[in-house]
């Protein structure tokens, strides 16, 4: 059953990625086909968190078609392909955590 608040979050999420700052990344589910999605990416410098590994946070739509669904994500198995630094070539990183989520958006961590 859906509620009005969740429906509003889902409808607003798509417009969020039309603004400057979103970039195209590739979601690579462990058990399925890869797909390009939009994300707002925050990059931490190596050594700041998790020892010497860079930590990437990506805000994506909570959607199995336009983003990553919270029902499908497999932390530890799924991967995301994106540049570790702006201007670099994209690298494949393991999705390690769902940091937060609501009906429209999901914040994931990768390293």
Protein backbone atom coordinates (compact mmCIF):
# COMPACT_ATOMS: atom_id res chain seq x y z
CA UNK A 1 0.00 0.00 0.00
CA UNK A 2 1.32 3.44 -0.93
CA UNK A 3 0.84 6.61 1.03
CA UNK A 4 0.63 10.18 -0.24
CA UNK A 5 3.92 11.24 1.39
CA UNK A 6 5.87 8.38 -0.26
CA UNK A 7 4.26 9.16 -3.61
CA UNK A 8 5.33 12.81 -3.27
CA UNK A 9 8.93 11.80 -2.47
CA UNK A 10 9.07 9.51 -5.50
CA UNK A 11 7.68 12.21 -7.82
CA UNK A 12 10.12 14.86 -6.54
CA UNK A 13 13.18 12.59 -6.75
CA UNK A 14 13.33 12.63 -10.56
CA UNK A 15 13.46 16.43 -10.73
CA UNK A 16 16.37 16.51 -8.28
CA UNK A 17 18.71 14.91 -10.84
CA UNK A 18 17.85 17.43 -13.56
CA UNK A 19 19.77 20.12 -11.64
CA UNK A 20 23.50 20.88 -12.03
CA UNK A 21 25.73 18.57 -10.03
CA UNK A 22 24.28 15.25 -11.11
CA UNK A 23 26.48 12.92 -13.12
CA UNK A 24 25.98 9.67 -14.99
CA UNK A 25 27.37 6.55 -13.29
CA UNK A 26 26.98 2.85 -14.02
CA UNK A 27 25.25 0.56 -11.54
CA UNK A 28 26.52 -3.03 -11.76
CA UNK A 29 24.22 -5.38 -9.81
CA UNK A 30 25.80 -8.69 -8.82
CA UNK A 31 23.01 -10.68 -10.42
CA UNK A 32 21.88 -8.62 -13.40
CA UNK A 33 22.59 -6.27 -16.25
CA UNK A 34 24.43 -2.99 -15.74
CA UNK A 35 22.59 0.28 -16.28
CA UNK A 36 23.46 3.96 -16.40
CA UNK A 37 21.84 6.08 -13.71
CA UNK A 38 22.11 9.65 -12.44
CA UNK A 39 23.79 10.34 -9.11
CA UNK A 40 25.03 13.22 -7.02
CA UNK A 41 28.47 12.07 -5.92
CA UNK A 42 30.49 13.20 -2.90
CA UNK A 43 34.13 12.19 -2.86
CA UNK A 44 36.40 11.97 0.22
CA UNK A 45 40.17 12.09 -0.07
CA UNK A 46 42.06 8.80 0.42
CA UNK A 47 43.16 8.34 4.00
CA UNK A 48 40.32 10.44 5.46
CA UNK A 49 38.08 7.45 6.14
CA UNK A 50 38.63 3.68 6.05
CA UNK A 51 42.41 3.95 6.17
CA UNK A 52 43.77 4.63 2.70
CA UNK A 53 40.66 3.76 0.69
CA UNK A 54 38.70 6.58 -0.89
CA UNK A 55 35.09 6.75 0.25
CA UNK A 56 32.46 7.72 -2.28
CA UNK A 57 28.88 8.60 -1.36
CA UNK A 58 26.33 8.60 -4.15
CA UNK A 59 22.78 9.89 -3.86
CA UNK A 60 20.58 7.97 -6.33
CA UNK A 61 16.88 7.55 -7.02
CA UNK A 62 15.31 4.72 -5.04
CA UNK A 63 14.00 3.10 -8.23
CA UNK A 64 14.68 -0.14 -10.07
CA UNK A 65 14.46 1.64 -13.44
CA UNK A 66 15.92 5.13 -12.92
CA UNK A 67 18.29 4.43 -10.02
CA UNK A 68 18.83 1.62 -7.54
CA UNK A 69 15.92 0.14 -5.63
CA UNK A 70 16.35 -0.44 -1.92
CA UNK A 71 14.67 -3.80 -2.53
CA UNK A 72 17.29 -4.94 -5.07
CA UNK A 73 20.56 -3.59 -3.67
CA UNK A 74 23.13 -6.13 -2.47
CA UNK A 75 25.77 -4.36 -0.38
CA UNK A 76 29.03 -6.18 -0.79
CA UNK A 77 27.98 -7.74 -4.10
CA UNK A 78 26.80 -4.84 -6.22
CA UNK A 79 29.22 -2.34 -7.70
CA UNK A 80 29.13 1.19 -9.06
CA UNK A 81 31.38 2.61 -11.78
CA UNK A 82 32.39 6.25 -11.49
CA UNK A 83 35.48 8.44 -11.35
CA UNK A 84 37.13 8.49 -7.91
CA UNK A 85 38.09 12.10 -8.62
CA UNK A 86 36.47 14.58 -10.97
CA UNK A 87 38.15 14.40 -14.36
CA UNK A 88 39.59 10.90 -13.91
CA UNK A 89 38.51 7.76 -15.72
CA UNK A 90 35.70 5.77 -14.15
CA UNK A 91 36.64 2.90 -11.83
CA UNK A 92 34.49 0.06 -10.53
CA UNK A 93 33.93 0.21 -6.77
CA UNK A 94 32.06 -2.08 -4.38
CA UNK A 95 28.87 -0.72 -2.79
CA UNK A 96 29.49 -1.18 0.92
CA UNK A 97 26.52 0.40 2.65
CA UNK A 98 23.09 1.97 2.35
CA UNK A 99 23.68 5.10 4.43
CA UNK A 100 20.09 6.34 4.33
CA UNK A 101 16.95 6.05 2.24
CA UNK A 102 13.38 7.15 1.82
CA UNK A 103 10.78 6.35 -0.81
CA UNK A 104 12.40 8.66 -3.38
CA UNK A 105 16.15 8.71 -2.73
CA UNK A 106 18.90 6.46 -1.40
CA UNK A 107 22.39 7.41 -0.24
CA UNK A 108 24.99 4.67 -0.76
CA UNK A 109 28.66 4.38 0.17
CA UNK A 110 31.26 2.71 -2.05
CA UNK A 111 34.98 2.04 -1.72
